[in-house]
Amino acid sequence: VYADNAATTPVTPAVLEAMTPWLM
């Protein structure tokens, strides 16, 4: 159980998908 979202949050699949073309 991840209950420390005020520290950081995971990158969601939608965000990663949006980012990937600009990396590769």
mmCIF file of all heavy atoms, coordinates in Angstrom:
data_MODEL
# 
_entry.id   MODEL 
# 
loop_
_atom_site.group_PDB 
_atom_site.id 
_atom_site.type_symbol 
_atom_site.label_atom_id 
_atom_site.label_alt_id 
_atom_site.label_comp_id 
_atom_site.label_asym_id 
_atom_site.label_entity_id 
_atom_site.label_seq_id 
_atom_site.pdbx_PDB_ins_code 
_atom_site.Cartn_x 
_atom_site.Cartn_y 
_atom_site.Cartn_z 
_atom_site.occupancy 
_atom_site.B_iso_or_equiv 
_atom_site.pdbx_formal_charge 
_atom_site.auth_seq_id 
_atom_site.auth_comp_id 
_atom_site.auth_asym_id 
_atom_site.auth_atom_id 
_atom_site.pdbx_PDB_model_num 
ATOM 1   N N   . VAL A 1 1  ? 0.860  -1.187 0.000   1.00 0.00 ? 1  VAL A N   1 
ATOM 2   C CA  . VAL A 1 1  ? 0.000  0.000  0.000   1.00 0.00 ? 1  VAL A CA  1 
ATOM 3   C C   . VAL A 1 1  ? 0.895  1.236  0.000   1.00 0.00 ? 1  VAL A C   1 
ATOM 4   O O   . VAL A 1 1  ? 1.665  1.450  0.943   1.00 0.00 ? 1  VAL A O   1 
ATOM 5   C CB  . VAL A 1 1  ? -0.938 0.024  1.220   1.00 0.00 ? 1  VAL A CB  1 
ATOM 6   C CG1 . VAL A 1 1  ? -1.731 1.329  1.241   1.00 0.00 ? 1  VAL A CG1 1 
ATOM 7   C CG2 . VAL A 1 1  ? -1.875 -1.169 1.201   1.00 0.00 ? 1  VAL A CG2 1 
ATOM 8   N N   . TYR A 1 2  ? 0.786  2.038  -1.036  1.00 0.00 ? 2  TYR A N   1 
ATOM 9   C CA  . TYR A 1 2  ? 1.548  3.284  -1.098  1.00 0.00 ? 2  TYR A CA  1 
ATOM 10  C C   . TYR A 1 2  ? 0.672  4.409  -0.555  1.00 0.00 ? 2  TYR A C   1 
ATOM 11  O O   . TYR A 1 2  ? -0.320 4.795  -1.181  1.00 0.00 ? 2  TYR A O   1 
ATOM 12  C CB  . TYR A 1 2  ? 1.991  3.598  -2.528  1.00 0.00 ? 2  TYR A CB  1 
ATOM 13  C CG  . TYR A 1 2  ? 2.884  4.820  -2.587  1.00 0.00 ? 2  TYR A CG  1 
ATOM 14  C CD1 . TYR A 1 2  ? 4.199  4.746  -2.133  1.00 0.00 ? 2  TYR A CD1 1 
ATOM 15  C CD2 . TYR A 1 2  ? 2.420  6.038  -3.060  1.00 0.00 ? 2  TYR A CD2 1 
ATOM 16  C CE1 . TYR A 1 2  ? 5.020  5.855  -2.142  1.00 0.00 ? 2  TYR A CE1 1 
ATOM 17  C CE2 . TYR A 1 2  ? 3.235  7.159  -3.079  1.00 0.00 ? 2  TYR A CE2 1 
ATOM 18  C CZ  . TYR A 1 2  ? 4.532  7.066  -2.618  1.00 0.00 ? 2  TYR A CZ  1 
ATOM 19  O OH  . TYR A 1 2  ? 5.353  8.169  -2.614  1.00 0.00 ? 2  TYR A OH  1 
ATOM 20  N N   . ALA A 1 3  ? 1.045  4.933  0.614   1.00 0.00 ? 3  ALA A N   1 
ATOM 21  C CA  . ALA A 1 3  ? 0.268  5.992  1.261   1.00 0.00 ? 3  ALA A CA  1 
ATOM 22  C C   . ALA A 1 3  ? 1.173  7.167  1.610   1.00 0.00 ? 3  ALA A C   1 
ATOM 23  O O   . ALA A 1 3  ? 1.081  7.754  2.690   1.00 0.00 ? 3  ALA A O   1 
ATOM 24  C CB  . ALA A 1 3  ? -0.416 5.451  2.506   1.00 0.00 ? 3  ALA A CB  1 
ATOM 25  N N   . ASP A 1 4  ? 2.052  7.524  0.675   1.00 0.00 ? 4  ASP A N   1 
ATOM 26  C CA  . ASP A 1 4  ? 2.963  8.647  0.876   1.00 0.00 ? 4  ASP A CA  1 
ATOM 27  C C   . ASP A 1 4  ? 2.969  9.542  -0.362  1.00 0.00 ? 4  ASP A C   1 
ATOM 28  O O   . ASP A 1 4  ? 4.024  9.991  -0.822  1.00 0.00 ? 4  ASP A O   1 
ATOM 29  C CB  . ASP A 1 4  ? 4.372  8.141  1.201   1.00 0.00 ? 4  ASP A CB  1 
ATOM 30  C CG  . ASP A 1 4  ? 5.217  9.202  1.889   1.00 0.00 ? 4  ASP A CG  1 
ATOM 31  O OD1 . ASP A 1 4  ? 4.645  10.163 2.440   1.00 0.00 ? 4  ASP A OD1 1 
ATOM 32  O OD2 . ASP A 1 4  ? 6.453  9.071  1.890   1.00 0.00 ? 4  ASP A OD2 1 
ATOM 33  N N   . ASN A 1 5  ? 1.782  9.816  -0.879  1.00 0.00 ? 5  ASN A N   1 
ATOM 34  C CA  . ASN A 1 5  ? 1.657  10.591 -2.112  1.00 0.00 ? 5  ASN A CA  1 
ATOM 35  C C   . ASN A 1 5  ? 2.039  12.060 -1.948  1.00 0.00 ? 5  ASN A C   1 
ATOM 36  O O   . ASN A 1 5  ? 2.259  12.748 -2.956  1.00 0.00 ? 5  ASN A O   1 
ATOM 37  C CB  . ASN A 1 5  ? 0.241  10.460 -2.653  1.00 0.00 ? 5  ASN A CB  1 
ATOM 38  C CG  . ASN A 1 5  ? -0.032 9.075  -3.208  1.00 0.00 ? 5  ASN A CG  1 
ATOM 39  O OD1 . ASN A 1 5  ? 0.302  8.770  -4.351  1.00 0.00 ? 5  ASN A OD1 1 
ATOM 40  N ND2 . ASN A 1 5  ? -0.636 8.208  -2.391  1.00 0.00 ? 5  ASN A ND2 1 
ATOM 41  N N   . ALA A 1 6  ? 2.106  12.539 -0.704  1.00 0.00 ? 6  ALA A N   1 
ATOM 42  C CA  . ALA A 1 6  ? 2.591  13.903 -0.493  1.00 0.00 ? 6  ALA A CA  1 
ATOM 43  C C   . ALA A 1 6  ? 4.097  13.989 -0.715  1.00 0.00 ? 6  ALA A C   1 
ATOM 44  O O   . ALA A 1 6  ? 4.634  15.074 -0.957  1.00 0.00 ? 6  ALA A O   1 
ATOM 45  C CB  . ALA A 1 6  ? 2.241  14.387 0.911   1.00 0.00 ? 6  ALA A CB  1 
ATOM 46  N N   . ALA A 1 7  ? 4.794  12.850 -0.627  1.00 0.00 ? 7  ALA A N   1 
ATOM 47  C CA  . ALA A 1 7  ? 6.239  12.816 -0.885  1.00 0.00 ? 7  ALA A CA  1 
ATOM 48  C C   . ALA A 1 7  ? 6.513  12.769 -2.382  1.00 0.00 ? 7  ALA A C   1 
ATOM 49  O O   . ALA A 1 7  ? 7.326  13.531 -2.912  1.00 0.00 ? 7  ALA A O   1 
ATOM 50  C CB  . ALA A 1 7  ? 6.868  11.612 -0.197  1.00 0.00 ? 7  ALA A CB  1 
ATOM 51  N N   . THR A 1 8  ? 5.832  11.859 -3.067  1.00 0.00 ? 8  THR A N   1 
ATOM 52  C CA  . THR A 1 8  ? 5.920  11.769 -4.523  1.00 0.00 ? 8  THR A CA  1 
ATOM 53  C C   . THR A 1 8  ? 4.823  10.834 -5.000  1.00 0.00 ? 8  THR A C   1 
ATOM 54  O O   . THR A 1 8  ? 4.231  10.102 -4.205  1.00 0.00 ? 8  THR A O   1 
ATOM 55  C CB  . THR A 1 8  ? 7.305  11.276 -4.990  1.00 0.00 ? 8  THR A CB  1 
ATOM 56  O OG1 . THR A 1 8  ? 7.476  11.557 -6.384  1.00 0.00 ? 8  THR A OG1 1 
ATOM 57  C CG2 . THR A 1 8  ? 7.479  9.772  -4.750  1.00 0.00 ? 8  THR A CG2 1 
ATOM 58  N N   . THR A 1 9  ? 4.567  10.860 -6.300  1.00 0.00 ? 9  THR A N   1 
ATOM 59  C CA  . THR A 1 9  ? 3.547  9.999  -6.888  1.00 0.00 ? 9  THR A CA  1 
ATOM 60  C C   . THR A 1 9  ? 4.134  9.239  -8.077  1.00 0.00 ? 9  THR A C   1 
ATOM 61  O O   . THR A 1 9  ? 5.097  9.707  -8.696  1.00 0.00 ? 9  THR A O   1 
ATOM 62  C CB  . THR A 1 9  ? 2.343  10.823 -7.389  1.00 0.00 ? 9  THR A CB  1 
ATOM 63  O OG1 . THR A 1 9  ? 2.799  11.783 -8.367  1.00 0.00 ? 9  THR A OG1 1 
ATOM 64  C CG2 . THR A 1 9  ? 1.645  11.548 -6.244  1.00 0.00 ? 9  THR A CG2 1 
ATOM 65  N N   . PRO A 1 10 ? 3.559  8.088  -8.411  1.00 0.00 ? 10 PRO A N   1 
ATOM 66  C CA  . PRO A 1 10 ? 4.048  7.363  -9.583  1.00 0.00 ? 10 PRO A CA  1 
ATOM 67  C C   . PRO A 1 10 ? 3.617  8.045  -10.881 1.00 0.00 ? 10 PRO A C   1 
ATOM 68  O O   . PRO A 1 10 ? 2.552  8.663  -10.948 1.00 0.00 ? 10 PRO A O   1 
ATOM 69  C CB  . PRO A 1 10 ? 3.373  5.988  -9.450  1.00 0.00 ? 10 PRO A CB  1 
ATOM 70  C CG  . PRO A 1 10 ? 2.116  6.267  -8.698  1.00 0.00 ? 10 PRO A CG  1 
ATOM 71  C CD  . PRO A 1 10 ? 2.453  7.361  -7.731  1.00 0.00 ? 10 PRO A CD  1 
ATOM 72  N N   . VAL A 1 11 ? 4.458  7.942  -11.880 1.00 0.00 ? 11 VAL A N   1 
ATOM 73  C CA  . VAL A 1 11 ? 4.062  8.389  -13.223 1.00 0.00 ? 11 VAL A CA  1 
ATOM 74  C C   . VAL A 1 11 ? 3.005  7.420  -13.748 1.00 0.00 ? 11 VAL A C   1 
ATOM 75  O O   . VAL A 1 11 ? 3.202  6.202  -13.713 1.00 0.00 ? 11 VAL A O   1 
ATOM 76  C CB  . VAL A 1 11 ? 5.285  8.430  -14.162 1.00 0.00 ? 11 VAL A CB  1 
ATOM 77  C CG1 . VAL A 1 11 ? 4.858  8.708  -15.599 1.00 0.00 ? 11 VAL A CG1 1 
ATOM 78  C CG2 . VAL A 1 11 ? 6.278  9.487  -13.690 1.00 0.00 ? 11 VAL A CG2 1 
ATOM 79  N N   . THR A 1 12 ? 1.893  7.953  -14.206 1.00 0.00 ? 12 THR A N   1 
ATOM 80  C CA  . THR A 1 12 ? 0.815  7.097  -14.702 1.00 0.00 ? 12 THR A CA  1 
ATOM 81  C C   . THR A 1 12 ? 1.099  6.660  -16.143 1.00 0.00 ? 12 THR A C   1 
ATOM 82  O O   . THR A 1 12 ? 1.872  7.309  -16.861 1.00 0.00 ? 12 THR A O   1 
ATOM 83  C CB  . THR A 1 12 ? -0.531 7.824  -14.656 1.00 0.00 ? 12 THR A CB  1 
ATOM 84  O OG1 . THR A 1 12 ? -0.438 9.018  -15.441 1.00 0.00 ? 12 THR A OG1 1 
ATOM 85  C CG2 . THR A 1 12 ? -0.910 8.180  -13.230 1.00 0.00 ? 12 THR A CG2 1 
ATOM 86  N N   . PRO A 1 13 ? 0.474  5.572  -16.588 1.00 0.00 ? 13 PRO A N   1 
ATOM 87  C CA  . PRO A 1 13 ? 0.680  5.118  -17.966 1.00 0.00 ? 13 PRO A CA  1 
ATOM 88  C C   . PRO A 1 13 ? 0.372  6.195  -19.006 1.00 0.00 ? 13 PRO A C   1 
ATOM 89  O O   . PRO A 1 13 ? 1.097  6.325  -20.001 1.00 0.00 ? 13 PRO A O   1 
ATOM 90  C CB  . PRO A 1 13 ? -0.279 3.931  -18.085 1.00 0.00 ? 13 PRO A CB  1 
ATOM 91  C CG  . PRO A 1 13 ? -0.372 3.381  -16.696 1.00 0.00 ? 13 PRO A CG  1 
ATOM 92  C CD  . PRO A 1 13 ? -0.326 4.587  -15.806 1.00 0.00 ? 13 PRO A CD  1 
ATOM 93  N N   . ALA A 1 14 ? -0.675 6.981  -18.793 1.00 0.00 ? 14 ALA A N   1 
ATOM 94  C CA  . ALA A 1 14 ? -1.031 8.026  -19.763 1.00 0.00 ? 14 ALA A CA  1 
ATOM 95  C C   . ALA A 1 14 ? 0.060  9.080  -19.861 1.00 0.00 ? 14 ALA A C   1 
ATOM 96  O O   . ALA A 1 14 ? 0.379  9.563  -20.960 1.00 0.00 ? 14 ALA A O   1 
ATOM 97  C CB  . ALA A 1 14 ? -2.354 8.666  -19.361 1.00 0.00 ? 14 ALA A CB  1 
ATOM 98  N N   . VAL A 1 15 ? 0.648  9.442  -18.728 1.00 0.00 ? 15 VAL A N   1 
ATOM 99  C CA  . VAL A 1 15 ? 1.717  10.443 -18.728 1.00 0.00 ? 15 VAL A CA  1 
ATOM 100 C C   . VAL A 1 15 ? 2.970  9.874  -19.393 1.00 0.00 ? 15 VAL A C   1 
ATOM 101 O O   . VAL A 1 15 ? 3.618  10.543 -20.211 1.00 0.00 ? 15 VAL A O   1 
ATOM 102 C CB  . VAL A 1 15 ? 2.016  10.909 -17.289 1.00 0.00 ? 15 VAL A CB  1 
ATOM 103 C CG1 . VAL A 1 15 ? 3.272  11.772 -17.239 1.00 0.00 ? 15 VAL A CG1 1 
ATOM 104 C CG2 . VAL A 1 15 ? 0.825  11.673 -16.728 1.00 0.00 ? 15 VAL A CG2 1 
ATOM 105 N N   . LEU A 1 16 ? 3.310  8.641  -19.066 1.00 0.00 ? 16 LEU A N   1 
ATOM 106 C CA  . LEU A 1 16 ? 4.486  8.012  -19.685 1.00 0.00 ? 16 LEU A CA  1 
ATOM 107 C C   . LEU A 1 16 ? 4.306  7.888  -21.194 1.00 0.00 ? 16 LEU A C   1 
ATOM 108 O O   . LEU A 1 16 ? 5.246  8.143  -21.968 1.00 0.00 ? 16 LEU A O   1 
ATOM 109 C CB  . LEU A 1 16 ? 4.721  6.636  -19.067 1.00 0.00 ? 16 LEU A CB  1 
ATOM 110 C CG  . LEU A 1 16 ? 5.939  5.868  -19.585 1.00 0.00 ? 16 LEU A CG  1 
ATOM 111 C CD1 . LEU A 1 16 ? 7.227  6.645  -19.340 1.00 0.00 ? 16 LEU A CD1 1 
ATOM 112 C CD2 . LEU A 1 16 ? 6.018  4.486  -18.941 1.00 0.00 ? 16 LEU A CD2 1 
ATOM 113 N N   . GLU A 1 17 ? 3.113  7.533  -21.619 1.00 0.00 ? 17 GLU A N   1 
ATOM 114 C CA  . GLU A 1 17 ? 2.844  7.412  -23.058 1.00 0.00 ? 17 GLU A CA  1 
ATOM 115 C C   . GLU A 1 17 ? 3.013  8.757  -23.754 1.00 0.00 ? 17 GLU A C   1 
ATOM 116 O O   . GLU A 1 17 ? 3.559  8.828  -24.869 1.00 0.00 ? 17 GLU A O   1 
ATOM 117 C CB  . GLU A 1 17 ? 1.424  6.884  -23.272 1.00 0.00 ? 17 GLU A CB  1 
ATOM 118 C CG  . GLU A 1 17 ? 1.065  6.669  -24.737 1.00 0.00 ? 17 GLU A CG  1 
ATOM 119 C CD  . GLU A 1 17 ? -0.345 6.126  -24.930 1.00 0.00 ? 17 GLU A CD  1 
ATOM 120 O OE1 . GLU A 1 17 ? -1.024 5.826  -23.924 1.00 0.00 ? 17 GLU A OE1 1 
ATOM 121 O OE2 . GLU A 1 17 ? -0.768 6.006  -26.095 1.00 0.00 ? 17 GLU A OE2 1 
ATOM 122 N N   . ALA A 1 18 ? 2.564  9.832  -23.107 1.00 0.00 ? 18 ALA A N   1 
ATOM 123 C CA  . ALA A 1 18 ? 2.720  11.163 -23.691 1.00 0.00 ? 18 ALA A CA  1 
ATOM 124 C C   . ALA A 1 18 ? 4.191  11.577 -23.778 1.00 0.00 ? 18 ALA A C   1 
ATOM 125 O O   . ALA A 1 18 ? 4.609  12.261 -24.721 1.00 0.00 ? 18 ALA A O   1 
ATOM 126 C CB  . ALA A 1 18 ? 1.933  12.184 -22.867 1.00 0.00 ? 18 ALA A CB  1 
ATOM 127 N N   . MET A 1 19 ? 4.991  11.145 -22.812 1.00 0.00 ? 19 MET A N   1 
ATOM 128 C CA  . MET A 1 19 ? 6.397  11.538 -22.745 1.00 0.00 ? 19 MET A CA  1 
ATOM 129 C C   . MET A 1 19 ? 7.293  10.773 -23.711 1.00 0.00 ? 19 MET A C   1 
ATOM 130 O O   . MET A 1 19 ? 8.258  11.342 -24.249 1.00 0.00 ? 19 MET A O   1 
ATOM 131 C CB  . MET A 1 19 ? 6.925  11.306 -21.326 1.00 0.00 ? 19 MET A CB  1 
ATOM 132 C CG  . MET A 1 19 ? 6.355  12.201 -20.256 1.00 0.00 ? 19 MET A CG  1 
ATOM 133 S SD  . MET A 1 19 ? 6.912  11.680 -18.601 1.00 0.00 ? 19 MET A SD  1 
ATOM 134 C CE  . MET A 1 19 ? 8.708  11.826 -18.777 1.00 0.00 ? 19 MET A CE  1 
ATOM 135 N N   . THR A 1 20 ? 7.000  9.494  -23.917 1.00 0.00 ? 20 THR A N   1 
ATOM 136 C CA  . THR A 1 20 ? 7.940  8.590  -24.591 1.00 0.00 ? 20 THR A CA  1 
ATOM 137 C C   . THR A 1 20 ? 8.417  9.072  -25.960 1.00 0.00 ? 20 THR A C   1 
ATOM 138 O O   . THR A 1 20 ? 9.631  9.000  -26.253 1.00 0.00 ? 20 THR A O   1 
ATOM 139 C CB  . THR A 1 20 ? 7.328  7.179  -24.689 1.00 0.00 ? 20 THR A CB  1 
ATOM 140 O OG1 . THR A 1 20 ? 7.045  6.702  -23.370 1.00 0.00 ? 20 THR A OG1 1 
ATOM 141 C CG2 . THR A 1 20 ? 8.290  6.217  -25.367 1.00 0.00 ? 20 THR A CG2 1 
ATOM 142 N N   . PRO A 1 21 ? 7.550  9.577  -26.835 1.00 0.00 ? 21 PRO A N   1 
ATOM 143 C CA  . PRO A 1 21 ? 8.054  10.025 -28.147 1.00 0.00 ? 21 PRO A CA  1 
ATOM 144 C C   . PRO A 1 21 ? 9.098  11.134 -28.047 1.00 0.00 ? 21 PRO A C   1 
ATOM 145 O O   . PRO A 1 21 ? 9.971  11.255 -28.923 1.00 0.00 ? 21 PRO A O   1 
ATOM 146 C CB  . PRO A 1 21 ? 6.791  10.535 -28.856 1.00 0.00 ? 21 PRO A CB  1 
ATOM 147 C CG  . PRO A 1 21 ? 5.657  9.853  -28.173 1.00 0.00 ? 21 PRO A CG  1 
ATOM 148 C CD  . PRO A 1 21 ? 6.082  9.715  -26.743 1.00 0.00 ? 21 PRO A CD  1 
ATOM 149 N N   . TRP A 1 22 ? 9.034  11.925 -26.977 1.00 0.00 ? 22 TRP A N   1 
ATOM 150 C CA  . TRP A 1 22 ? 9.955  13.049 -26.826 1.00 0.00 ? 22 TRP A CA  1 
ATOM 151 C C   . TRP A 1 22 ? 11.268 12.637 -26.191 1.00 0.00 ? 22 TRP A C   1 
ATOM 152 O O   . TRP A 1 22 ? 12.202 13.437 -26.088 1.00 0.00 ? 22 TRP A O   1 
ATOM 153 C CB  . TRP A 1 22 ? 9.263  14.162 -26.037 1.00 0.00 ? 22 TRP A CB  1 
ATOM 154 C CG  . TRP A 1 22 ? 7.952  14.507 -26.670 1.00 0.00 ? 22 TRP A CG  1 
ATOM 155 C CD1 . TRP A 1 22 ? 6.715  14.080 -26.316 1.00 0.00 ? 22 TRP A CD1 1 
ATOM 156 C CD2 . TRP A 1 22 ? 7.776  15.282 -27.855 1.00 0.00 ? 22 TRP A CD2 1 
ATOM 157 N NE1 . TRP A 1 22 ? 5.772  14.550 -27.185 1.00 0.00 ? 22 TRP A NE1 1 
ATOM 158 C CE2 . TRP A 1 22 ? 6.391  15.299 -28.142 1.00 0.00 ? 22 TRP A CE2 1 
ATOM 159 C CE3 . TRP A 1 22 ? 8.649  15.986 -28.702 1.00 0.00 ? 22 TRP A CE3 1 
ATOM 160 C CZ2 . TRP A 1 22 ? 5.860  15.975 -29.234 1.00 0.00 ? 22 TRP A CZ2 1 
ATOM 161 C CZ3 . TRP A 1 22 ? 8.122  16.666 -29.787 1.00 0.00 ? 22 TRP A CZ3 1 
ATOM 162 C CH2 . TRP A 1 22 ? 6.749  16.658 -30.049 1.00 0.00 ? 22 TRP A CH2 1 
ATOM 163 N N   . LEU A 1 23 ? 11.351 11.372 -25.819 1.00 0.00 ? 23 LEU A N   1 
ATOM 164 C CA  . LEU A 1 23 ? 12.601 10.798 -25.341 1.00 0.00 ? 23 LEU A CA  1 
ATOM 165 C C   . LEU A 1 23 ? 13.321 10.020 -26.434 1.00 0.00 ? 23 LEU A C   1 
ATOM 166 O O   . LEU A 1 23 ? 14.554 10.021 -26.500 1.00 0.00 ? 23 LEU A O   1 
ATOM 167 C CB  . LEU A 1 23 ? 12.328 9.847  -24.163 1.00 0.00 ? 23 LEU A CB  1 
ATOM 168 C CG  . LEU A 1 23 ? 11.885 10.476 -22.838 1.00 0.00 ? 23 LEU A CG  1 
ATOM 169 C CD1 . LEU A 1 23 ? 11.317 9.403  -21.919 1.00 0.00 ? 23 LEU A CD1 1 
ATOM 170 C CD2 . LEU A 1 23 ? 13.061 11.186 -22.167 1.00 0.00 ? 23 LEU A CD2 1 
ATOM 171 N N   . MET A 1 24 ? 12.540 9.359  -27.294 1.00 0.00 ? 24 MET A N   1 
ATOM 172 C CA  . MET A 1 24 ? 13.096 8.384  -28.234 1.00 0.00 ? 24 MET A CA  1 
ATOM 173 C C   . MET A 1 24 ? 13.089 8.850  -29.686 1.00 0.00 ? 24 MET A C   1 
ATOM 174 O O   . MET A 1 24 ? 13.941 8.438  -30.475 1.00 0.00 ? 24 MET A O   1 
ATOM 175 C CB  . MET A 1 24 ? 12.302 7.081  -28.135 1.00 0.00 ? 24 MET A CB  1 
ATOM 176 C CG  . MET A 1 24 ? 12.216 6.501  -26.732 1.00 0.00 ? 24 MET A CG  1 
ATOM 177 S SD  . MET A 1 24 ? 13.797 5.906  -26.123 1.00 0.00 ? 24 MET A SD  1 
ATOM 178 C CE  . MET A 1 24 ? 14.059 4.492  -27.202 1.00 0.00 ? 24 MET A CE  1 
# 
